[in-house]
Amino acid sequence: MANTVKNVIGKEARRREINELLVGTFNSILRVEEGVLRNRLTEGLTIAEIHTIHAIGLQGASPMNVVASRLNVTLATCTTAIGKLVDKGFVKRTRSDADRRQVLVSLTKEGRQAYRVHELFHRDMVESALGELSEEEEEVFSVALLKIKAFFDAHDPA
């Protein structure tokens, strides 16, 4: 009986510690990412705008509905976000030659630079996070993250 109580208490303490680690890690990533935005190539951009730039990508012009889908937001929300990025000079809008009703968005030179800064941040973050892990530890970490992501995806209200 004493071992059972001890195991339950130990499990609860471990769960609290994991919760603190998840929340702390998420907050740390956001703070570091915000710090990355404080440079001349991304000046004036919010994290949400950087993520919109990332959703547009470097592959050329994307339809607005595709960008909205990548961001998991409504077309109206995406239109507002794109409008702000157009005003700031990071994105340009064009009409499709095949269907003039369709609005396409692509990155300007400044938008491509901001995209690359963000991409470099994420690459460096992953390299730094995994740098001290063995291949076996990296595999275990990857599987654990997949399971955690699956949980959050299953509980995503969107």
Foldseek 3Di string as FASTA:
>chain_A
DVVVVVVVVVVVVVVVVVVCVVVVVVVVVLVVLVVLCPDPLNPPDDPVLLVLLVLCPAPDWDWLVSSCVSVVHDSVVSVVSVVVCVVVQFKDWDADPVHRVTIIMHGDPSSVSSNVSSVVVVVVVVCVVCVPPDPVRVVVVVVVVVVVVVVVVVVDPD
